[in-house]
Amino acid sequence: MSMSVYFEKARELGQMILESEPAIKLSDAGANFDADEKARDKFNEYKAYHRDVQIKYQGGQLTQDEADAESRKLAKMAEELKKDPVIEALVNAEDEFNTFVSQIMNILKATITGQEDSPCAQG
């Protein structure tokens, strides 16, 4: 069999994944997020703060106590983000899609390695 057959089947699988319910939910949630300036602003604020903390930590500019305090603050900020229904829907849709794709990858891996009867090969 020609290698192109395998590549075509991979493209077909990719297209099927894009048309799946988890992918459609993710696309819709992403569009809602993009349309919600308040949600985007909150998320971007968190991302910028997280990046700044990470840079300080990697640069050795934070004591352990400061790093712990920043970690707690970031966790609190993340919890606040989850209270926004648009952000929550996006996070949930991303989780669902990632789980779906991971299950597909596990099935492929199990099939290729001949372990189709293993629990990770079940979808």
PDB file of N, CA and C in Angstrom:
ATOM      1  N   MET A   1       0.831  -1.177   0.000  1.00  0.00           N
ATOM      2  CA  MET A   1       0.000   0.000   0.000  1.00  0.00           C
ATOM      3  C   MET A   1       0.882   1.248   0.000  1.00  0.00           C
ATOM      4  N   SER A   2       0.461   2.210  -0.747  1.00  0.00           N
ATOM      5  CA  SER A   2       1.203   3.465  -0.848  1.00  0.00           C
ATOM      6  C   SER A   2       1.117   4.246   0.463  1.00  0.00           C
ATOM      7  N   MET A   3       2.187   4.949   0.801  1.00  0.00           N
ATOM      8  CA  MET A   3       2.215   5.760   2.031  1.00  0.00           C
ATOM      9  C   MET A   3       1.120   6.822   2.007  1.00  0.00           C
ATOM     10  N   SER A   4       0.759   7.293   0.832  1.00  0.00           N
ATOM     11  CA  SER A   4      -0.245   8.353   0.742  1.00  0.00           C
ATOM     12  C   SER A   4      -1.600   7.898   1.289  1.00  0.00           C
ATOM     13  N   VAL A   5      -1.885   6.601   1.245  1.00  0.00           N
ATOM     14  CA  VAL A   5      -3.141   6.081   1.789  1.00  0.00           C
ATOM     15  C   VAL A   5      -3.184   6.333   3.294  1.00  0.00           C
ATOM     16  N   TYR A   6      -2.068   6.105   3.965  1.00  0.00           N
ATOM     17  CA  TYR A   6      -2.016   6.321   5.406  1.00  0.00           C
ATOM     18  C   TYR A   6      -2.191   7.799   5.744  1.00  0.00           C
ATOM     19  N   PHE A   7      -1.571   8.652   4.957  1.00  0.00           N
ATOM     20  CA  PHE A   7      -1.677  10.086   5.197  1.00  0.00           C
ATOM     21  C   PHE A   7      -3.106  10.558   4.957  1.00  0.00           C
ATOM     22  N   GLU A   8      -3.747  10.013   3.945  1.00  0.00           N
ATOM     23  CA  GLU A   8      -5.136  10.381   3.656  1.00  0.00           C
ATOM     24  C   GLU A   8      -6.047   9.929   4.808  1.00  0.00           C
ATOM     25  N   LYS A   9      -5.829   8.733   5.330  1.00  0.00           N
ATOM     26  CA  LYS A   9      -6.626   8.248   6.461  1.00  0.00           C
ATOM     27  C   LYS A   9      -6.401   9.138   7.688  1.00  0.00           C
ATOM     28  N   ALA A  10      -5.175   9.586   7.894  1.00  0.00           N
ATOM     29  CA  ALA A  10      -4.883  10.484   9.014  1.00  0.00           C
ATOM     30  C   ALA A  10      -5.631  11.810   8.834  1.00  0.00           C
ATOM     31  N   ARG A  11      -5.659  12.327   7.594  1.00  0.00           N
ATOM     32  CA  ARG A  11      -6.400  13.559   7.321  1.00  0.00           C
ATOM     33  C   ARG A  11      -7.896  13.354   7.552  1.00  0.00           C
ATOM     34  N   GLU A  12      -8.406  12.193   7.157  1.00  0.00           N
ATOM     35  CA  GLU A  12      -9.825  11.884   7.376  1.00  0.00           C
ATOM     36  C   GLU A  12     -10.135  11.859   8.879  1.00  0.00           C
ATOM     37  N   LEU A  13      -9.270  11.226   9.643  1.00  0.00           N
ATOM     38  CA  LEU A  13      -9.465  11.177  11.090  1.00  0.00           C
ATOM     39  C   LEU A  13      -9.419  12.587  11.670  1.00  0.00           C
ATOM     40  N   GLY A  14      -8.470  13.379  11.223  1.00  0.00           N
ATOM     41  CA  GLY A  14      -8.374  14.759  11.692  1.00  0.00           C
ATOM     42  C   GLY A  14      -9.637  15.542  11.383  1.00  0.00           C
ATOM     43  N   GLN A  15     -10.180  15.362  10.207  1.00  0.00           N
ATOM     44  CA  GLN A  15     -11.416  16.051   9.822  1.00  0.00           C
ATOM     45  C   GLN A  15     -12.581  15.572  10.690  1.00  0.00           C
ATOM     46  N   MET A  16     -12.635  14.271  10.941  1.00  0.00           N
ATOM     47  CA  MET A  16     -13.692  13.737  11.805  1.00  0.00           C
ATOM     48  C   MET A  16     -13.596  14.325  13.215  1.00  0.00           C
ATOM     49  N   ILE A  17     -12.379  14.478  13.706  1.00  0.00           N
ATOM     50  CA  ILE A  17     -12.179  15.068  15.027  1.00  0.00           C
ATOM     51  C   ILE A  17     -12.667  16.512  15.030  1.00  0.00           C
ATOM     52  N   LEU A  18     -12.356  17.257  13.968  1.00  0.00           N
ATOM     53  CA  LEU A  18     -12.804  18.653  13.869  1.00  0.00           C
ATOM     54  C   LEU A  18     -14.323  18.772  13.833  1.00  0.00           C
ATOM     55  N   GLU A  19     -14.988  17.751  13.324  1.00  0.00           N
ATOM     56  CA  GLU A  19     -16.446  17.761  13.212  1.00  0.00           C
ATOM     57  C   GLU A  19     -17.133  17.118  14.417  1.00  0.00           C
ATOM     58  N   SER A  20     -16.346  16.679  15.393  1.00  0.00           N
ATOM     59  CA  SER A  20     -16.897  16.006  16.575  1.00  0.00           C
ATOM     60  C   SER A  20     -17.576  17.007  17.512  1.00  0.00           C
ATOM     61  N   GLU A  21     -18.422  16.480  18.381  1.00  0.00           N
ATOM     62  CA  GLU A  21     -19.107  17.325  19.361  1.00  0.00           C
ATOM     63  C   GLU A  21     -18.119  18.072  20.256  1.00  0.00           C
ATOM     64  N   PRO A  22     -17.070  17.400  20.787  1.00  0.00           N
ATOM     65  CA  PRO A  22     -16.122  18.155  21.627  1.00  0.00           C
ATOM     66  C   PRO A  22     -15.426  19.298  20.867  1.00  0.00           C
ATOM     67  N   ALA A  23     -15.103  19.093  19.602  1.00  0.00           N
ATOM     68  CA  ALA A  23     -14.450  20.147  18.824  1.00  0.00           C
ATOM     69  C   ALA A  23     -15.405  21.303  18.548  1.00  0.00           C
ATOM     70  N   ILE A  24     -16.651  20.977  18.271  1.00  0.00           N
ATOM     71  CA  ILE A  24     -17.649  22.027  18.012  1.00  0.00           C
ATOM     72  C   ILE A  24     -17.898  22.831  19.289  1.00  0.00           C
ATOM     73  N   LYS A  25     -17.996  22.147  20.427  1.00  0.00           N
ATOM     74  CA  LYS A  25     -18.166  22.846  21.708  1.00  0.00           C
ATOM     75  C   LYS A  25     -16.991  23.781  21.974  1.00  0.00           C
ATOM     76  N   LEU A  26     -15.779  23.300  21.683  1.00  0.00           N
ATOM     77  CA  LEU A  26     -14.578  24.116  21.900  1.00  0.00           C
ATOM     78  C   LEU A  26     -14.588  25.335  20.984  1.00  0.00           C
ATOM     79  N   SER A  27     -14.952  25.131  19.742  1.00  0.00           N
ATOM     80  CA  SER A  27     -15.012  26.239  18.790  1.00  0.00           C
ATOM     81  C   SER A  27     -16.037  27.285  19.238  1.00  0.00           C
ATOM     82  N   ASP A  28     -17.206  26.815  19.655  1.00  0.00           N
ATOM     83  CA  ASP A  28     -18.245  27.738  20.121  1.00  0.00           C
ATOM     84  C   ASP A  28     -17.806  28.488  21.371  1.00  0.00           C
ATOM     85  N   ALA A  29     -17.205  27.764  22.320  1.00  0.00           N
ATOM     86  CA  ALA A  29     -16.741  28.398  23.553  1.00  0.00           C
ATOM     87  C   ALA A  29     -15.643  29.419  23.255  1.00  0.00           C
ATOM     88  N   GLY A  30     -14.771  29.091  22.306  1.00  0.00           N
ATOM     89  CA  GLY A  30     -13.721  30.027  21.911  1.00  0.00           C
ATOM     90  C   GLY A  30     -14.287  31.284  21.277  1.00  0.00           C
ATOM     91  N   ALA A  31     -15.310  31.118  20.448  1.00  0.00           N
ATOM     92  CA  ALA A  31     -15.948  32.277  19.810  1.00  0.00           C
ATOM     93  C   ALA A  31     -16.624  33.158  20.864  1.00  0.00           C
ATOM     94  N   ASN A  32     -17.280  32.520  21.842  1.00  0.00           N
ATOM     95  CA  ASN A  32     -17.913  33.288  22.920  1.00  0.00           C
ATOM     96  C   ASN A  32     -16.875  34.045  23.731  1.00  0.00           C
ATOM     97  N   PHE A  33     -15.750  33.399  24.003  1.00  0.00           N
ATOM     98  CA  PHE A  33     -14.665  34.046  24.744  1.00  0.00           C
ATOM     99  C   PHE A  33     -14.119  35.234  23.951  1.00  0.00           C
ATOM    100  N   ASP A  34     -13.880  35.017  22.661  1.00  0.00           N
ATOM    101  CA  ASP A  34     -13.343  36.090  21.815  1.00  0.00           C
ATOM    102  C   ASP A  34     -14.279  37.295  21.755  1.00  0.00           C
ATOM    103  N   ALA A  35     -15.583  37.035  21.871  1.00  0.00           N
ATOM    104  CA  ALA A  35     -16.571  38.108  21.785  1.00  0.00           C
ATOM    105  C   ALA A  35     -16.795  38.814  23.122  1.00  0.00           C
ATOM    106  N   ASP A  36     -16.246  38.277  24.203  1.00  0.00           N
ATOM    107  CA  ASP A  36     -16.476  38.827  25.538  1.00  0.00           C
ATOM    108  C   ASP A  36     -15.229  39.574  26.015  1.00  0.00           C
ATOM    109  N   GLU A  37     -15.236  40.879  25.839  1.00  0.00           N
ATOM    110  CA  GLU A  37     -14.064  41.695  26.175  1.00  0.00           C
ATOM    111  C   GLU A  37     -13.705  41.601  27.655  1.00  0.00           C
ATOM    112  N   LYS A  38     -14.713  41.559  28.510  1.00  0.00           N
ATOM    113  CA  LYS A  38     -14.466  41.476  29.958  1.00  0.00           C
ATOM    114  C   LYS A  38     -13.741  40.178  30.312  1.00  0.00           C
ATOM    115  N   ALA A  39     -14.195  39.067  29.749  1.00  0.00           N
ATOM    116  CA  ALA A  39     -13.552  37.770  30.009  1.00  0.00           C
ATOM    117  C   ALA A  39     -12.122  37.768  29.467  1.00  0.00           C
ATOM    118  N   ARG A  40     -11.944  38.306  28.270  1.00  0.00           N
ATOM    119  CA  ARG A  40     -10.593  38.368  27.687  1.00  0.00           C
ATOM    120  C   ARG A  40      -9.666  39.208  28.545  1.00  0.00           C
ATOM    121  N   ASP A  41     -10.158  40.343  29.019  1.00  0.00           N
ATOM    122  CA  ASP A  41      -9.331  41.220  29.859  1.00  0.00           C
ATOM    123  C   ASP A  41      -8.909  40.523  31.145  1.00  0.00           C
ATOM    124  N   LYS A  42      -9.864  39.835  31.789  1.00  0.00           N
ATOM    125  CA  LYS A  42      -9.540  39.104  33.028  1.00  0.00           C
ATOM    126  C   LYS A  42      -8.487  38.037  32.762  1.00  0.00           C
ATOM    127  N   PHE A  43      -8.674  37.295  31.687  1.00  0.00           N
ATOM    128  CA  PHE A  43      -7.741  36.224  31.356  1.00  0.00           C
ATOM    129  C   PHE A  43      -6.371  36.784  31.020  1.00  0.00           C
ATOM    130  N   ASN A  44      -6.320  37.853  30.240  1.00  0.00           N
ATOM    131  CA  ASN A  44      -5.041  38.458  29.871  1.00  0.00           C
ATOM    132  C   ASN A  44      -4.311  39.035  31.079  1.00  0.00           C
ATOM    133  N   GLU A  45      -5.077  39.568  32.029  1.00  0.00           N
ATOM    134  CA  GLU A  45      -4.473  40.075  33.266  1.00  0.00           C
ATOM    135  C   GLU A  45      -3.825  38.928  34.041  1.00  0.00           C
ATOM    136  N   TYR A  46      -4.535  37.819  34.140  1.00  0.00           N
ATOM    137  CA  TYR A  46      -3.987  36.642  34.825  1.00  0.00           C
ATOM    138  C   TYR A  46      -2.733  36.148  34.114  1.00  0.00           C
ATOM    139  N   LYS A  47      -2.815  36.030  32.788  1.00  0.00           N
ATOM    140  CA  LYS A  47      -1.682  35.533  32.006  1.00  0.00           C
ATOM    141  C   LYS A  47      -0.450  36.419  32.179  1.00  0.00           C
ATOM    142  N   ALA A  48      -0.644  37.723  32.138  1.00  0.00           N
ATOM    143  CA  ALA A  48       0.478  38.663  32.284  1.00  0.00           C
ATOM    144  C   ALA A  48       1.087  38.558  33.679  1.00  0.00           C
ATOM    145  N   TYR A  49       0.238  38.468  34.694  1.00  0.00           N
ATOM    146  CA  TYR A  49       0.743  38.352  36.065  1.00  0.00           C
ATOM    147  C   TYR A  49       1.500  37.042  36.238  1.00  0.00           C
ATOM    148  N   HIS A  50       0.944  35.960  35.701  1.00  0.00           N
ATOM    149  CA  HIS A  50       1.585  34.644  35.775  1.00  0.00           C
ATOM    150  C   HIS A  50       2.962  34.687  35.111  1.00  0.00           C
ATOM    151  N   ARG A  51       3.024  35.313  33.942  1.00  0.00           N
ATOM    152  CA  ARG A  51       4.298  35.419  33.216  1.00  0.00           C
ATOM    153  C   ARG A  51       5.325  36.213  34.025  1.00  0.00           C
ATOM    154  N   ASP A  52       4.872  37.319  34.630  1.00  0.00           N
ATOM    155  CA  ASP A  52       5.779  38.143  35.430  1.00  0.00           C
ATOM    156  C   ASP A  52       6.322  37.369  36.631  1.00  0.00           C
ATOM    157  N   VAL A  53       5.457  36.622  37.292  1.00  0.00           N
ATOM    158  CA  VAL A  53       5.880  35.821  38.440  1.00  0.00           C
ATOM    159  C   VAL A  53       6.872  34.751  37.990  1.00  0.00           C
ATOM    160  N   GLN A  54       6.572  34.124  36.877  1.00  0.00           N
ATOM    161  CA  GLN A  54       7.456  33.072  36.355  1.00  0.00           C
ATOM    162  C   GLN A  54       8.846  33.633  36.035  1.00  0.00           C
ATOM    163  N   ILE A  55       8.885  34.795  35.436  1.00  0.00           N
ATOM    164  CA  ILE A  55      10.169  35.426  35.096  1.00  0.00           C
ATOM    165  C   ILE A  55      10.958  35.750  36.369  1.00  0.00           C
ATOM    166  N   LYS A  56      10.267  36.298  37.364  1.00  0.00           N
ATOM    167  CA  LYS A  56      10.932  36.614  38.634  1.00  0.00           C
ATOM    168  C   LYS A  56      11.455  35.346  39.306  1.00  0.00           C
ATOM    169  N   TYR A  57      10.629  34.302  39.282  1.00  0.00           N
ATOM    170  CA  TYR A  57      11.022  33.046  39.922  1.00  0.00           C
ATOM    171  C   TYR A  57      12.234  32.440  39.222  1.00  0.00           C
ATOM    172  N   GLN A  58      12.183  32.386  37.901  1.00  0.00           N
ATOM    173  CA  GLN A  58      13.291  31.804  37.133  1.00  0.00           C
ATOM    174  C   GLN A  58      14.556  32.630  37.258  1.00  0.00           C
ATOM    175  N   GLY A  59      14.392  33.924  37.474  1.00  0.00           N
ATOM    176  CA  GLY A  59      15.545  34.810  37.629  1.00  0.00           C
ATOM    177  C   GLY A  59      16.074  34.841  39.043  1.00  0.00           C
ATOM    178  N   GLY A  60      15.482  34.054  39.926  1.00  0.00           N
ATOM    179  CA  GLY A  60      15.944  34.012  41.313  1.00  0.00           C
ATOM    180  C   GLY A  60      15.627  35.270  42.092  1.00  0.00           C
ATOM    181  N   GLN A  61      14.637  36.026  41.648  1.00  0.00           N
ATOM    182  CA  GLN A  61      14.302  37.285  42.284  1.00  0.00           C
ATOM    183  C   GLN A  61      13.295  37.142  43.419  1.00  0.00           C
ATOM    184  N   LEU A  62      12.801  35.919  43.661  1.00  0.00           N
ATOM    185  CA  LEU A  62      11.821  35.695  44.717  1.00  0.00           C
ATOM    186  C   LEU A  62      12.388  34.756  45.776  1.00  0.00           C
ATOM    187  N   THR A  63      12.161  35.115  47.033  1.00  0.00           N
ATOM    188  CA  THR A  63      12.499  34.185  48.107  1.00  0.00           C
ATOM    189  C   THR A  63      11.473  33.054  48.076  1.00  0.00           C
ATOM    190  N   GLN A  64      11.705  32.006  48.821  1.00  0.00           N
ATOM    191  CA  GLN A  64      10.739  30.904  48.852  1.00  0.00           C
ATOM    192  C   GLN A  64       9.398  31.372  49.397  1.00  0.00           C
ATOM    193  N   ASP A  65       9.432  32.216  50.427  1.00  0.00           N
ATOM    194  CA  ASP A  65       8.185  32.742  50.990  1.00  0.00           C
ATOM    195  C   ASP A  65       7.439  33.597  49.967  1.00  0.00           C
ATOM    196  N   GLU A  66       8.167  34.417  49.226  1.00  0.00           N
ATOM    197  CA  GLU A  66       7.534  35.242  48.191  1.00  0.00           C
ATOM    198  C   GLU A  66       6.953  34.372  47.077  1.00  0.00           C
ATOM    199  N   ALA A  67       7.700  33.353  46.711  1.00  0.00           N
ATOM    200  CA  ALA A  67       7.223  32.437  45.667  1.00  0.00           C
ATOM    201  C   ALA A  67       5.950  31.726  46.124  1.00  0.00           C
ATOM    202  N   ASP A  68       5.923  31.310  47.385  1.00  0.00           N
ATOM    203  CA  ASP A  68       4.727  30.659  47.930  1.00  0.00           C
ATOM    204  C   ASP A  68       3.536  31.620  47.933  1.00  0.00           C
ATOM    205  N   ALA A  69       3.787  32.855  48.320  1.00  0.00           N
ATOM    206  CA  ALA A  69       2.719  33.863  48.348  1.00  0.00           C
ATOM    207  C   ALA A  69       2.198  34.130  46.937  1.00  0.00           C
ATOM    208  N   GLU A  70       3.108  34.230  45.980  1.00  0.00           N
ATOM    209  CA  GLU A  70       2.703  34.453  44.584  1.00  0.00           C
ATOM    210  C   GLU A  70       1.915  33.264  44.055  1.00  0.00           C
ATOM    211  N   SER A  71       2.326  32.083  44.433  1.00  0.00           N
ATOM    212  CA  SER A  71       1.619  30.873  44.008  1.00  0.00           C
ATOM    213  C   SER A  71       0.195  30.866  44.550  1.00  0.00           C
ATOM    214  N   ARG A  72       0.033  31.263  45.806  1.00  0.00           N
ATOM    215  CA  ARG A  72      -1.312  31.341  46.396  1.00  0.00           C
ATOM    216  C   ARG A  72      -2.153  32.394  45.688  1.00  0.00           C
ATOM    217  N   LYS A  73      -1.519  33.536  45.380  1.00  0.00           N
ATOM    218  CA  LYS A  73      -2.249  34.610  44.690  1.00  0.00           C
ATOM    219  C   LYS A  73      -2.681  34.151  43.303  1.00  0.00           C
ATOM    220  N   LEU A  74      -1.798  33.462  42.598  1.00  0.00           N
ATOM    221  CA  LEU A  74      -2.154  32.960  41.270  1.00  0.00           C
ATOM    222  C   LEU A  74      -3.289  31.940  41.350  1.00  0.00           C
ATOM    223  N   ALA A  75      -3.259  31.090  42.360  1.00  0.00           N
ATOM    224  CA  ALA A  75      -4.329  30.105  42.540  1.00  0.00           C
ATOM    225  C   ALA A  75      -5.658  30.808  42.802  1.00  0.00           C
ATOM    226  N   LYS A  76      -5.615  31.853  43.605  1.00  0.00           N
ATOM    227  CA  LYS A  76      -6.829  32.618  43.892  1.00  0.00           C
ATOM    228  C   LYS A  76      -7.339  33.304  42.623  1.00  0.00           C
ATOM    229  N   MET A  77      -6.423  33.865  41.846  1.00  0.00           N
ATOM    230  CA  MET A  77      -6.808  34.506  40.585  1.00  0.00           C
ATOM    231  C   MET A  77      -7.431  33.483  39.624  1.00  0.00           C
ATOM    232  N   ALA A  78      -6.860  32.286  39.594  1.00  0.00           N
ATOM    233  CA  ALA A  78      -7.387  31.235  38.722  1.00  0.00           C
ATOM    234  C   ALA A  78      -8.795  30.839  39.153  1.00  0.00           C
ATOM    235  N   GLU A  79      -9.016  30.764  40.457  1.00  0.00           N
ATOM    236  CA  GLU A  79     -10.352  30.444  40.960  1.00  0.00           C
ATOM    237  C   GLU A  79     -11.355  31.534  40.575  1.00  0.00           C
ATOM    238  N   GLU A  80     -10.916  32.773  40.643  1.00  0.00           N
ATOM    239  CA  GLU A  80     -11.784  33.882  40.239  1.00  0.00           C
ATOM    240  C   GLU A  80     -12.117  33.795  38.748  1.00  0.00           C
ATOM    241  N   LEU A  81     -11.145  33.407  37.943  1.00  0.00           N
ATOM    242  CA  LEU A  81     -11.393  33.256  36.508  1.00  0.00           C
ATOM    243  C   LEU A  81     -12.477  32.223  36.249  1.00  0.00           C
ATOM    244  N   LYS A  82     -12.436  31.134  37.013  1.00  0.00           N
ATOM    245  CA  LYS A  82     -13.402  30.047  36.818  1.00  0.00           C
ATOM    246  C   LYS A  82     -14.826  30.475  37.163  1.00  0.00           C
ATOM    247  N   LYS A  83     -14.975  31.560  37.892  1.00  0.00           N
ATOM    248  CA  LYS A  83     -16.311  32.054  38.235  1.00  0.00           C
ATOM    249  C   LYS A  83     -16.973  32.758  37.061  1.00  0.00           C
ATOM    250  N   ASP A  84     -16.179  33.149  36.070  1.00  0.00           N
ATOM    251  CA  ASP A  84     -16.729  33.775  34.871  1.00  0.00           C
ATOM    252  C   ASP A  84     -17.306  32.663  33.991  1.00  0.00           C
ATOM    253  N   PRO A  85     -18.598  32.698  33.681  1.00  0.00           N
ATOM    254  CA  PRO A  85     -19.210  31.598  32.923  1.00  0.00           C
ATOM    255  C   PRO A  85     -18.607  31.395  31.534  1.00  0.00           C
ATOM    256  N   VAL A  86     -18.161  32.456  30.900  1.00  0.00           N
ATOM    257  CA  VAL A  86     -17.561  32.335  29.567  1.00  0.00           C
ATOM    258  C   VAL A  86     -16.209  31.624  29.659  1.00  0.00           C
ATOM    259  N   ILE A  87     -15.411  31.998  30.645  1.00  0.00           N
ATOM    260  CA  ILE A  87     -14.103  31.364  30.844  1.00  0.00           C
ATOM    261  C   ILE A  87     -14.294  29.920  31.299  1.00  0.00           C
ATOM    262  N   GLU A  88     -15.244  29.694  32.207  1.00  0.00           N
ATOM    263  CA  GLU A  88     -15.511  28.339  32.685  1.00  0.00           C
ATOM    264  C   GLU A  88     -15.920  27.426  31.533  1.00  0.00           C
ATOM    265  N   ALA A  89     -16.786  27.924  30.653  1.00  0.00           N
ATOM    266  CA  ALA A  89     -17.226  27.133  29.502  1.00  0.00           C
ATOM    267  C   ALA A  89     -16.049  26.807  28.588  1.00  0.00           C
ATOM    268  N   LEU A  90     -15.146  27.772  28.402  1.00  0.00           N
ATOM    269  CA  LEU A  90     -13.979  27.546  27.557  1.00  0.00           C
ATOM    270  C   LEU A  90     -13.051  26.505  28.177  1.00  0.00           C
ATOM    271  N   VAL A  91     -12.786  26.619  29.464  1.00  0.00           N
ATOM    272  CA  VAL A  91     -11.908  25.667  30.155  1.00  0.00           C
ATOM    273  C   VAL A  91     -12.512  24.262  30.098  1.00  0.00           C
ATOM    274  N   ASN A  92     -13.817  24.163  30.359  1.00  0.00           N
ATOM    275  CA  ASN A  92     -14.476  22.855  30.313  1.00  0.00           C
ATOM    276  C   ASN A  92     -14.445  22.258  28.911  1.00  0.00           C
ATOM    277  N   ALA A  93     -14.669  23.096  27.896  1.00  0.00           N
ATOM    278  CA  ALA A  93     -14.639  22.616  26.512  1.00  0.00           C
ATOM    279  C   ALA A  93     -13.229  22.172  26.132  1.00  0.00           C
ATOM    280  N   GLU A  94     -12.213  22.910  26.572  1.00  0.00           N
ATOM    281  CA  GLU A  94     -10.831  22.512  26.299  1.00  0.00           C
ATOM    282  C   GLU A  94     -10.508  21.178  26.957  1.00  0.00           C
ATOM    283  N   ASP A  95     -10.944  21.015  28.207  1.00  0.00           N
ATOM    284  CA  ASP A  95     -10.703  19.757  28.922  1.00  0.00           C
ATOM    285  C   ASP A  95     -11.379  18.586  28.208  1.00  0.00           C
ATOM    286  N   GLU A  96     -12.629  18.786  27.808  1.00  0.00           N
ATOM    287  CA  GLU A  96     -13.374  17.728  27.130  1.00  0.00           C
ATOM    288  C   GLU A  96     -12.708  17.356  25.799  1.00  0.00           C
ATOM    289  N   PHE A  97     -12.297  18.366  25.036  1.00  0.00           N
ATOM    290  CA  PHE A  97     -11.650  18.113  23.749  1.00  0.00           C
ATOM    291  C   PHE A  97     -10.313  17.402  23.953  1.00  0.00           C
ATOM    292  N   ASN A  98      -9.522  17.868  24.908  1.00  0.00           N
ATOM    293  CA  ASN A  98      -8.220  17.241  25.166  1.00  0.00           C
ATOM    294  C   ASN A  98      -8.372  15.794  25.610  1.00  0.00           C
ATOM    295  N   THR A  99      -9.376  15.515  26.425  1.00  0.00           N
ATOM    296  CA  THR A  99      -9.642  14.139  26.852  1.00  0.00           C
ATOM    297  C   THR A  99     -10.030  13.278  25.656  1.00  0.00           C
ATOM    298  N   PHE A 100     -10.870  13.809  24.808  1.00  0.00           N
ATOM    299  CA  PHE A 100     -11.318  13.110  23.603  1.00  0.00           C
ATOM    300  C   PHE A 100     -10.128  12.752  22.700  1.00  0.00           C
ATOM    301  N   VAL A 101      -9.292  13.730  22.423  1.00  0.00           N
ATOM    302  CA  VAL A 101      -8.123  13.498  21.563  1.00  0.00           C
ATOM    303  C   VAL A 101      -7.157  12.525  22.232  1.00  0.00           C
ATOM    304  N   SER A 102      -6.983  12.653  23.533  1.00  0.00           N
ATOM    305  CA  SER A 102      -6.107  11.739  24.270  1.00  0.00           C
ATOM    306  C   SER A 102      -6.610  10.303  24.173  1.00  0.00           C
ATOM    307  N   GLN A 103      -7.911  10.115  24.267  1.00  0.00           N
ATOM    308  CA  GLN A 103      -8.484   8.780  24.136  1.00  0.00           C
ATOM    309  C   GLN A 103      -8.205   8.204  22.745  1.00  0.00           C
ATOM    310  N   ILE A 104      -8.347   9.036  21.738  1.00  0.00           N
ATOM    311  CA  ILE A 104      -8.066   8.590  20.369  1.00  0.00           C
ATOM    312  C   ILE A 104      -6.594   8.201  20.232  1.00  0.00           C
ATOM    313  N   MET A 105      -5.710   9.021  20.793  1.00  0.00           N
ATOM    314  CA  MET A 105      -4.275   8.722  20.723  1.00  0.00           C
ATOM    315  C   MET A 105      -3.951   7.427  21.458  1.00  0.00           C
ATOM    316  N   ASN A 106      -4.600   7.202  22.598  1.00  0.00           N
ATOM    317  CA  ASN A 106      -4.376   5.962  23.353  1.00  0.00           C
ATOM    318  C   ASN A 106      -4.819   4.742  22.548  1.00  0.00           C
ATOM    319  N   ILE A 107      -5.935   4.862  21.859  1.00  0.00           N
ATOM    320  CA  ILE A 107      -6.414   3.759  21.028  1.00  0.00           C
ATOM    321  C   ILE A 107      -5.433   3.491  19.888  1.00  0.00           C
ATOM    322  N   LEU A 108      -4.962   4.550  19.242  1.00  0.00           N
ATOM    323  CA  LEU A 108      -3.979   4.379  18.158  1.00  0.00           C
ATOM    324  C   LEU A 108      -2.712   3.709  18.678  1.00  0.00           C
ATOM    325  N   LYS A 109      -2.226   4.215  19.805  1.00  0.00           N
ATOM    326  CA  LYS A 109      -0.994   3.663  20.381  1.00  0.00           C
ATOM    327  C   LYS A 109      -1.172   2.196  20.757  1.00  0.00           C
ATOM    328  N   ALA A 110      -2.287   1.879  21.387  1.00  0.00           N
ATOM    329  CA  ALA A 110      -2.543   0.493  21.793  1.00  0.00           C
ATOM    330  C   ALA A 110      -2.679  -0.415  20.576  1.00  0.00           C
ATOM    331  N   THR A 111      -3.314   0.068  19.544  1.00  0.00           N
ATOM    332  CA  THR A 111      -3.472  -0.727  18.328  1.00  0.00           C
ATOM    333  C   THR A 111      -2.120  -0.977  17.675  1.00  0.00           C
ATOM    334  N   ILE A 112      -1.305   0.060  17.595  1.00  0.00           N
ATOM    335  CA  ILE A 112       0.017  -0.060  16.961  1.00  0.00           C
ATOM    336  C   ILE A 112       0.922  -1.000  17.742  1.00  0.00           C
ATOM    337  N   THR A 113       0.814  -0.968  19.060  1.00  0.00           N
ATOM    338  CA  THR A 113       1.682  -1.809  19.893  1.00  0.00           C
ATOM    339  C   THR A 113       1.086  -3.183  20.165  1.00  0.00           C
ATOM    340  N   GLY A 114      -0.115  -3.433  19.636  1.00  0.00           N
ATOM    341  CA  GLY A 114      -0.739  -4.741  19.805  1.00  0.00           C
ATOM    342  C   GLY A 114      -1.358  -4.952  21.170  1.00  0.00           C
ATOM    343  N   GLN A 115      -1.668  -3.885  21.850  1.00  0.00           N
ATOM    344  CA  GLN A 115      -2.271  -3.982  23.183  1.00  0.00           C
ATOM    345  C   GLN A 115      -3.712  -3.483  23.179  1.00  0.00           C
ATOM    346  N   GLU A 116      -4.463  -3.893  22.162  1.00  0.00           N
ATOM    347  CA  GLU A 116      -5.817  -3.399  21.982  1.00  0.00           C
ATOM    348  C   GLU A 116      -6.754  -3.761  23.118  1.00  0.00           C
ATOM    349  N   ASP A 117      -6.439  -4.790  23.885  1.00  0.00           N
ATOM    350  CA  ASP A 117      -7.320  -5.215  24.970  1.00  0.00           C
ATOM    351  C   ASP A 117      -7.032  -4.482  26.276  1.00  0.00           C
ATOM    352  N   SER A 118      -6.023  -3.603  26.287  1.00  0.00           N
ATOM    353  CA  SER A 118      -5.677  -2.896  27.518  1.00  0.00           C
ATOM    354  C   SER A 118      -6.721  -1.830  27.810  1.00  0.00           C
ATOM    355  N   PRO A 119      -6.859  -1.436  29.080  1.00  0.00           N
ATOM    356  CA  PRO A 119      -7.851  -0.424  29.450  1.00  0.00           C
ATOM    357  C   PRO A 119      -7.658   0.909  28.728  1.00  0.00           C
ATOM    358  N   CYS A 120      -6.402   1.275  28.404  1.00  0.00           N
ATOM    359  CA  CYS A 120      -6.159   2.557  27.734  1.00  0.00           C
ATOM    360  C   CYS A 120      -6.614   2.524  26.286  1.00  0.00           C
ATOM    361  N   ALA A 121      -6.893   1.356  25.736  1.00  0.00           N
ATOM    362  CA  ALA A 121      -7.324   1.255  24.350  1.00  0.00           C
ATOM    363  C   ALA A 121      -8.836   1.363  24.223  1.00  0.00           C
ATOM    364  N   GLN A 122      -9.501   1.436  25.337  1.00  0.00           N
ATOM    365  CA  GLN A 122     -10.953   1.491  25.299  1.00  0.00           C
ATOM    366  C   GLN A 122     -11.405   2.936  25.245  1.00  0.00           C
ATOM    367  N   GLY A 123     -12.378   3.201  24.420  1.00  0.00           N
ATOM    368  CA  GLY A 123     -12.858   4.567  24.263  1.00  0.00           C
ATOM    369  C   GLY A 123     -14.122   4.856  24.862  1.00  0.00           C
TER     370      GLY A 123
END
